[in-house]
Amino acid sequence: MLHLVQDSPTENNKLVLCIERAVPGQTILLIEEAVYGARCDSSVVAQVMKGIEVLTICALAPDLEARGILTEETLPSIRRISYEEFVDLAANSKHIHTWL
């Protein structure tokens, strides 16, 4: 399953809830404001680091770039993906859950 999270972790707890409820082996993609959760100094860094142990966590590179978040400011275990990779990830996922 692919989980899409779009809200900033400072706005609500959707990213933390997603990490807690995702099944090991699933993928979480941070888009839009949620990419702030990929920062090394994020308010949810402990939860993200715990999630990375059993989940694949990605962030949409164009959204990171649009917000001025540099590669060196993101957690090294978070994979930066392009729009094309996002499309492939979605197309190859049997189920997609958007955390609205």
Protein backbone atom coordinates (compact mmCIF):
# COMPACT_ATOMS: atom_id res chain seq x y z
CA MET A 1 0.00 0.00 0.00
CA LEU A 2 1.08 3.54 -0.76
CA HIS A 3 0.24 6.17 1.84
CA LEU A 4 0.13 9.83 0.73
CA VAL A 5 0.54 12.51 3.38
CA GLN A 6 0.22 16.15 2.38
CA ASP A 7 -0.21 18.18 5.59
CA SER A 8 2.63 19.76 7.53
CA PRO A 9 3.51 17.84 10.69
CA THR A 10 3.21 21.14 12.59
CA GLU A 11 -0.45 21.50 11.47
CA ASN A 12 -1.73 18.11 12.61
CA ASN A 13 -0.67 14.58 13.51
CA LYS A 14 -1.53 12.81 10.23
CA LEU A 15 2.09 11.90 9.48
CA VAL A 16 2.58 10.40 12.93
CA LEU A 17 -0.72 8.51 12.70
CA CYS A 18 0.24 7.23 9.26
CA ILE A 19 3.60 5.97 10.53
CA GLU A 20 1.92 4.29 13.51
CA ARG A 21 -0.76 2.58 11.40
CA ALA A 22 1.23 1.62 8.30
CA VAL A 23 2.18 -2.03 8.02
CA PRO A 24 5.90 -2.88 7.78
CA GLY A 25 6.99 -2.94 4.15
CA GLN A 26 4.52 -0.28 3.04
CA THR A 27 5.52 3.08 1.55
CA ILE A 28 4.74 6.59 2.76
CA LEU A 29 5.13 9.46 0.31
CA LEU A 30 5.39 12.98 1.70
CA ILE A 31 3.98 15.60 -0.67
CA GLU A 32 3.17 19.30 -0.47
CA GLU A 33 3.57 20.62 3.11
CA ALA A 34 4.26 17.15 4.53
CA VAL A 35 7.80 17.31 3.12
CA TYR A 36 8.70 19.39 6.19
CA GLY A 37 8.54 16.05 8.04
CA ALA A 38 11.61 14.93 6.06
CA ARG A 39 13.84 17.59 7.64
CA CYS A 40 16.52 16.56 10.12
CA ASP A 41 15.17 19.16 12.56
CA SER A 42 11.49 18.27 12.10
CA SER A 43 9.24 18.20 15.14
CA VAL A 44 8.46 14.56 14.27
CA VAL A 45 12.00 13.38 13.56
CA ALA A 46 11.87 10.68 16.27
CA GLN A 47 8.69 9.17 14.86
CA VAL A 48 9.99 9.35 11.27
CA MET A 49 13.26 7.66 12.27
CA LYS A 50 11.31 4.89 13.98
CA GLY A 51 9.11 4.51 10.89
CA ILE A 52 12.10 4.30 8.56
CA GLU A 53 13.15 1.11 10.35
CA VAL A 54 10.19 -0.82 8.87
CA LEU A 55 8.70 1.42 6.17
CA THR A 56 9.90 3.09 3.01
CA ILE A 57 9.49 6.84 3.42
CA CYS A 58 9.85 9.06 0.36
CA ALA A 59 9.48 12.77 -0.26
CA LEU A 60 8.56 14.40 -3.54
CA ALA A 61 11.71 16.22 -4.68
CA PRO A 62 9.92 19.09 -6.48
CA ASP A 63 7.98 19.84 -3.28
CA LEU A 64 11.19 19.82 -1.23
CA GLU A 65 12.83 22.15 -3.74
CA ALA A 66 9.81 24.48 -3.87
CA ARG A 67 10.11 24.92 -0.11
CA GLY A 68 13.86 25.44 -0.17
CA ILE A 69 14.62 22.20 1.66
CA LEU A 70 18.09 21.09 0.65
CA THR A 71 19.25 17.49 0.38
CA GLU A 72 21.60 17.95 3.32
CA GLU A 73 18.66 19.15 5.46
CA THR A 74 16.68 15.95 4.96
CA LEU A 75 17.04 12.68 6.78
CA PRO A 76 19.42 10.51 4.73
CA SER A 77 17.09 7.49 4.83
CA ILE A 78 14.26 9.38 3.15
CA ARG A 79 14.26 8.81 -0.58
CA ARG A 80 13.74 11.88 -2.76
CA ILE A 81 11.60 11.00 -5.78
CA SER A 82 10.63 12.80 -8.99
CA TYR A 83 7.13 13.22 -10.42
CA GLU A 84 7.87 10.35 -12.80
CA GLU A 85 8.86 8.09 -9.90
CA PHE A 86 5.67 9.16 -8.08
CA VAL A 87 3.58 8.07 -11.07
CA ASP A 88 5.41 4.72 -11.22
CA LEU A 89 4.98 4.21 -7.48
CA ALA A 90 1.25 4.95 -7.69
CA ALA A 91 0.75 2.81 -10.80
CA ASN A 92 2.48 -0.14 -9.15
CA SER A 93 0.59 0.11 -5.86
CA LYS A 94 -2.48 -2.04 -5.46
CA HIS A 95 -3.97 0.38 -2.92
CA ILE A 96 -3.38 4.08 -2.22
CA HIS A 97 -4.51 5.75 0.99
CA THR A 98 -4.50 9.54 1.15
CA TRP A 99 -4.38 10.96 4.67
CA LEU A 100 -6.91 13.82 4.36
